[in-house]
Amino acid sequence: MAGVNITTTEGSPDADVKIRVRGGGSITQSNDPLLIVDGFPVESISDIPATDIEDITVLKDASSTAIYGSRGANGVILVTTKSGKAGKVNVSYNAYYSWKKVA
């Protein structure tokens, strides 16, 4: 996506992800975008499994500040997770295993 940079702080599988919308503009303040998960502001989306994310929308420029004011000055990332739906029960299982080892 144009204007969005995603980097990790280190090369390990559990490293924190840094997201920048429109680059970094402040020297003394945080350049992190406002993260909204299912309508609630959060500090990080690192604890949300990728399989639970249904949609990600990035607001930048005037649209983010018009809706969220000064909190959206560095951009807004809207994350919609999969939620329960009426109808037939659907159960899925996904496992993941990793470890860190010093070479």
N, C-alpha and C. Protein backbone atom coordinates (compact mmCIF):
# COMPACT_ATOMS: atom_id res chain seq x y z
N MET A 1 0.85 -1.16 0.00
CA MET A 1 0.00 0.00 0.00
C MET A 1 0.90 1.23 0.00
N ALA A 2 0.60 2.18 -0.82
CA ALA A 2 1.42 3.38 -0.94
C ALA A 2 1.40 4.20 0.34
N GLY A 3 2.57 4.60 0.81
CA GLY A 3 2.67 5.43 1.99
C GLY A 3 2.69 4.68 3.31
N VAL A 4 2.66 3.34 3.28
CA VAL A 4 2.67 2.54 4.50
C VAL A 4 3.94 1.69 4.52
N ASN A 5 4.74 1.84 5.59
CA ASN A 5 5.96 1.06 5.75
C ASN A 5 5.81 0.15 6.96
N ILE A 6 6.07 -1.14 6.78
CA ILE A 6 6.00 -2.10 7.87
C ILE A 6 7.37 -2.73 8.03
N THR A 7 7.96 -2.60 9.22
CA THR A 7 9.27 -3.16 9.50
C THR A 7 9.23 -3.88 10.84
N THR A 8 10.21 -4.74 11.07
CA THR A 8 10.35 -5.41 12.36
C THR A 8 11.57 -4.85 13.07
N THR A 9 11.55 -4.95 14.39
CA THR A 9 12.66 -4.41 15.17
C THR A 9 13.87 -5.33 15.14
N GLU A 10 13.66 -6.62 14.92
CA GLU A 10 14.75 -7.59 14.80
C GLU A 10 14.29 -8.74 13.92
N GLY A 11 15.14 -9.71 13.68
CA GLY A 11 14.82 -10.78 12.75
C GLY A 11 14.14 -11.99 13.35
N SER A 12 13.83 -11.99 14.64
CA SER A 12 13.22 -13.17 15.25
C SER A 12 11.73 -13.26 14.90
N PRO A 13 11.14 -14.46 14.97
CA PRO A 13 9.73 -14.62 14.61
C PRO A 13 8.77 -13.85 15.50
N ASP A 14 9.12 -13.60 16.75
CA ASP A 14 8.22 -12.90 17.66
C ASP A 14 8.58 -11.42 17.83
N ALA A 15 9.31 -10.86 16.87
CA ALA A 15 9.74 -9.46 16.96
C ALA A 15 8.53 -8.53 16.80
N ASP A 16 8.61 -7.37 17.45
CA ASP A 16 7.56 -6.36 17.32
C ASP A 16 7.56 -5.79 15.91
N VAL A 17 6.37 -5.45 15.44
CA VAL A 17 6.20 -4.87 14.12
C VAL A 17 5.98 -3.37 14.27
N LYS A 18 6.71 -2.59 13.50
CA LYS A 18 6.55 -1.14 13.50
C LYS A 18 5.85 -0.74 12.20
N ILE A 19 4.74 -0.02 12.33
CA ILE A 19 3.98 0.42 11.17
C ILE A 19 4.06 1.94 11.12
N ARG A 20 4.42 2.47 9.97
CA ARG A 20 4.48 3.91 9.76
C ARG A 20 3.59 4.26 8.57
N VAL A 21 2.72 5.24 8.79
CA VAL A 21 1.87 5.74 7.72
C VAL A 21 2.37 7.13 7.37
N ARG A 22 2.73 7.36 6.13
CA ARG A 22 3.25 8.65 5.64
C ARG A 22 4.59 9.02 6.25
N GLY A 23 5.40 8.05 6.67
CA GLY A 23 6.73 8.33 7.19
C GLY A 23 6.71 8.94 8.58
N GLY A 24 7.86 9.21 9.12
CA GLY A 24 7.96 9.79 10.47
C GLY A 24 8.12 11.29 10.37
N GLY A 25 7.28 12.04 11.06
CA GLY A 25 7.35 13.49 10.97
C GLY A 25 7.74 14.18 12.25
N SER A 26 7.76 13.48 13.37
CA SER A 26 8.06 14.12 14.65
C SER A 26 9.37 13.61 15.21
N ILE A 27 10.13 14.51 15.80
CA ILE A 27 11.39 14.13 16.42
C ILE A 27 11.19 13.75 17.88
N THR A 28 10.30 14.45 18.57
CA THR A 28 10.13 14.25 20.00
C THR A 28 8.92 13.39 20.37
N GLN A 29 7.94 13.26 19.50
CA GLN A 29 6.73 12.50 19.81
C GLN A 29 6.71 11.19 19.04
N SER A 30 5.76 10.32 19.38
CA SER A 30 5.63 9.04 18.70
C SER A 30 5.07 9.23 17.29
N ASN A 31 5.57 8.45 16.35
CA ASN A 31 5.09 8.48 14.98
C ASN A 31 4.17 7.31 14.68
N ASP A 32 3.75 6.59 15.74
CA ASP A 32 2.90 5.42 15.55
C ASP A 32 1.49 5.84 15.16
N PRO A 33 0.87 5.11 14.24
CA PRO A 33 -0.51 5.42 13.88
C PRO A 33 -1.46 4.96 14.98
N LEU A 34 -2.67 5.48 14.94
CA LEU A 34 -3.71 5.07 15.87
C LEU A 34 -4.25 3.72 15.40
N LEU A 35 -4.26 2.73 16.29
CA LEU A 35 -4.74 1.39 15.96
C LEU A 35 -6.12 1.19 16.55
N ILE A 36 -7.09 0.86 15.71
CA ILE A 36 -8.46 0.62 16.13
C ILE A 36 -8.82 -0.81 15.75
N VAL A 37 -9.14 -1.63 16.77
CA VAL A 37 -9.54 -3.02 16.54
C VAL A 37 -11.01 -3.16 16.93
N ASP A 38 -11.85 -3.46 15.97
CA ASP A 38 -13.28 -3.62 16.18
C ASP A 38 -13.90 -2.43 16.90
N GLY A 39 -13.43 -1.23 16.60
CA GLY A 39 -14.00 -0.01 17.16
C GLY A 39 -13.35 0.48 18.44
N PHE A 40 -12.36 -0.24 18.95
CA PHE A 40 -11.70 0.15 20.20
C PHE A 40 -10.23 0.45 19.95
N PRO A 41 -9.71 1.58 20.47
CA PRO A 41 -8.28 1.88 20.31
C PRO A 41 -7.43 0.92 21.15
N VAL A 42 -6.35 0.43 20.56
CA VAL A 42 -5.43 -0.49 21.23
C VAL A 42 -4.01 0.01 21.05
N GLU A 43 -3.09 -0.53 21.86
CA GLU A 43 -1.68 -0.15 21.77
C GLU A 43 -0.93 -0.94 20.70
N SER A 44 -1.31 -2.20 20.51
CA SER A 44 -0.58 -3.06 19.58
C SER A 44 -1.53 -4.10 19.00
N ILE A 45 -1.23 -4.54 17.79
CA ILE A 45 -2.01 -5.62 17.18
C ILE A 45 -1.18 -6.90 17.09
N SER A 46 -0.07 -6.92 17.82
CA SER A 46 0.82 -8.09 17.78
C SER A 46 0.18 -9.33 18.40
N ASP A 47 -0.77 -9.16 19.31
CA ASP A 47 -1.37 -10.30 19.98
C ASP A 47 -2.60 -10.84 19.25
N ILE A 48 -2.94 -10.29 18.10
CA ILE A 48 -4.05 -10.80 17.30
C ILE A 48 -3.50 -11.79 16.27
N PRO A 49 -3.98 -13.03 16.29
CA PRO A 49 -3.51 -13.99 15.28
C PRO A 49 -3.94 -13.56 13.87
N ALA A 50 -3.09 -13.81 12.90
CA ALA A 50 -3.38 -13.42 11.52
C ALA A 50 -4.64 -14.10 10.99
N THR A 51 -4.95 -15.28 11.51
CA THR A 51 -6.13 -16.00 11.03
C THR A 51 -7.43 -15.37 11.54
N ASP A 52 -7.36 -14.53 12.59
CA ASP A 52 -8.56 -13.87 13.13
C ASP A 52 -8.85 -12.54 12.47
N ILE A 53 -7.96 -12.04 11.62
CA ILE A 53 -8.16 -10.74 10.98
C ILE A 53 -8.96 -10.93 9.69
N GLU A 54 -10.06 -10.20 9.61
CA GLU A 54 -10.91 -10.27 8.42
C GLU A 54 -10.58 -9.16 7.43
N ASP A 55 -10.32 -7.93 7.93
CA ASP A 55 -10.09 -6.80 7.04
C ASP A 55 -9.21 -5.77 7.74
N ILE A 56 -8.33 -5.14 6.97
CA ILE A 56 -7.49 -4.04 7.47
C ILE A 56 -7.67 -2.86 6.53
N THR A 57 -8.00 -1.70 7.10
CA THR A 57 -8.18 -0.48 6.33
C THR A 57 -7.24 0.58 6.89
N VAL A 58 -6.55 1.29 6.01
CA VAL A 58 -5.63 2.34 6.43
C VAL A 58 -6.20 3.69 6.01
N LEU A 59 -6.38 4.58 6.97
CA LEU A 59 -6.81 5.95 6.70
C LEU A 59 -5.61 6.86 6.85
N LYS A 60 -5.39 7.70 5.87
CA LYS A 60 -4.29 8.64 5.95
C LYS A 60 -4.75 9.99 5.41
N ASP A 61 -3.97 10.99 5.62
CA ASP A 61 -4.26 12.35 5.19
C ASP A 61 -5.46 12.92 5.94
N ALA A 62 -6.30 13.65 5.28
CA ALA A 62 -7.39 14.39 5.93
C ALA A 62 -8.49 13.48 6.46
N SER A 63 -8.67 12.31 5.87
CA SER A 63 -9.74 11.43 6.34
C SER A 63 -9.50 10.95 7.76
N SER A 64 -8.26 10.70 8.13
CA SER A 64 -7.98 10.23 9.49
C SER A 64 -8.15 11.33 10.53
N THR A 65 -7.72 12.53 10.21
CA THR A 65 -7.87 13.62 11.18
C THR A 65 -9.29 14.13 11.25
N ALA A 66 -10.05 14.01 10.19
CA ALA A 66 -11.45 14.44 10.21
C ALA A 66 -12.28 13.56 11.14
N ILE A 67 -11.97 12.27 11.19
CA ILE A 67 -12.74 11.34 12.02
C ILE A 67 -12.20 11.27 13.43
N TYR A 68 -10.88 11.16 13.59
CA TYR A 68 -10.27 10.91 14.90
C TYR A 68 -9.53 12.10 15.49
N GLY A 69 -9.55 13.24 14.84
CA GLY A 69 -8.92 14.44 15.36
C GLY A 69 -7.41 14.32 15.41
N SER A 70 -6.79 14.93 16.42
CA SER A 70 -5.33 14.94 16.52
C SER A 70 -4.76 13.55 16.78
N ARG A 71 -5.56 12.63 17.33
CA ARG A 71 -5.06 11.27 17.56
C ARG A 71 -4.77 10.57 16.23
N GLY A 72 -5.43 10.97 15.15
CA GLY A 72 -5.23 10.36 13.84
C GLY A 72 -4.26 11.10 12.96
N ALA A 73 -3.45 11.99 13.54
CA ALA A 73 -2.51 12.78 12.75
C ALA A 73 -1.45 11.93 12.07
N ASN A 74 -1.08 10.81 12.67
CA ASN A 74 -0.08 9.91 12.08
C ASN A 74 -0.72 8.78 11.30
N GLY A 75 -2.00 8.88 11.00
CA GLY A 75 -2.72 7.85 10.27
C GLY A 75 -3.50 6.96 11.22
N VAL A 76 -4.45 6.23 10.68
CA VAL A 76 -5.29 5.34 11.46
C VAL A 76 -5.34 3.99 10.75
N ILE A 77 -5.16 2.92 11.52
CA ILE A 77 -5.28 1.56 10.99
C ILE A 77 -6.49 0.92 11.63
N LEU A 78 -7.49 0.59 10.82
CA LEU A 78 -8.71 -0.04 11.30
C LEU A 78 -8.62 -1.54 11.02
N VAL A 79 -8.72 -2.34 12.08
CA VAL A 79 -8.64 -3.80 11.96
C VAL A 79 -10.00 -4.37 12.34
N THR A 80 -10.57 -5.17 11.45
CA THR A 80 -11.82 -5.86 11.72
C THR A 80 -11.51 -7.34 11.86
N THR A 81 -11.89 -7.91 13.00
CA THR A 81 -11.64 -9.34 13.22
C THR A 81 -12.87 -10.15 12.87
N LYS A 82 -12.65 -11.42 12.66
CA LYS A 82 -13.76 -12.32 12.39
C LYS A 82 -14.57 -12.49 13.67
N SER A 83 -15.87 -12.42 13.56
CA SER A 83 -16.72 -12.55 14.74
C SER A 83 -17.75 -13.63 14.49
N GLY A 84 -18.49 -13.96 15.54
CA GLY A 84 -19.50 -14.99 15.42
C GLY A 84 -20.61 -14.58 14.47
N LYS A 85 -21.10 -15.54 13.72
CA LYS A 85 -22.17 -15.29 12.77
C LYS A 85 -23.30 -16.28 13.02
N ALA A 86 -24.51 -15.85 12.78
CA ALA A 86 -25.67 -16.72 12.96
C ALA A 86 -25.67 -17.83 11.90
N GLY A 87 -26.14 -18.99 12.30
CA GLY A 87 -26.21 -20.10 11.35
C GLY A 87 -25.54 -21.34 11.89
N LYS A 88 -25.04 -22.15 10.98
CA LYS A 88 -24.42 -23.41 11.32
C LYS A 88 -23.10 -23.20 12.06
N VAL A 89 -22.82 -24.05 13.04
CA VAL A 89 -21.59 -23.96 13.82
C VAL A 89 -20.42 -24.40 12.96
N ASN A 90 -19.36 -23.60 12.99
CA ASN A 90 -18.16 -23.89 12.22
C ASN A 90 -16.97 -23.83 13.17
N VAL A 91 -16.26 -24.94 13.32
CA VAL A 91 -15.11 -25.00 14.22
C VAL A 91 -13.87 -25.24 13.38
N SER A 92 -12.83 -24.42 13.63
CA SER A 92 -11.55 -24.62 12.95
C SER A 92 -10.44 -24.61 13.98
N TYR A 93 -9.36 -25.31 13.67
CA TYR A 93 -8.22 -25.40 14.58
C TYR A 93 -6.97 -25.06 13.80
N ASN A 94 -6.16 -24.18 14.37
CA ASN A 94 -4.92 -23.78 13.74
C ASN A 94 -3.84 -23.78 14.80
N ALA A 95 -2.75 -24.49 14.56
CA ALA A 95 -1.67 -24.57 15.54
C ALA A 95 -0.41 -23.94 14.96
N TYR A 96 0.40 -23.41 15.86
CA TYR A 96 1.65 -22.79 15.47
C TYR A 96 2.66 -23.05 16.57
N TYR A 97 3.88 -23.41 16.21
CA TYR A 97 4.90 -23.71 17.19
C TYR A 97 6.21 -23.10 16.70
N SER A 98 6.91 -22.43 17.59
CA SER A 98 8.21 -21.87 17.22
C SER A 98 9.10 -21.82 18.46
N TRP A 99 10.39 -21.67 18.23
CA TRP A 99 11.32 -21.51 19.33
C TRP A 99 12.49 -20.67 18.85
N LYS A 100 13.12 -20.05 19.82
CA LYS A 100 14.29 -19.24 19.52
C LYS A 100 15.52 -19.94 20.07
N LYS A 101 16.58 -19.95 19.32
CA LYS A 101 17.81 -20.61 19.72
C LYS A 101 18.99 -19.76 19.26
N VAL A 102 19.91 -19.53 20.17
CA VAL A 102 21.11 -18.77 19.83
C VAL A 102 22.02 -19.65 19.00
N ALA A 103 22.46 -19.12 17.88
CA ALA A 103 23.32 -19.89 16.98
C ALA A 103 24.70 -20.07 17.57
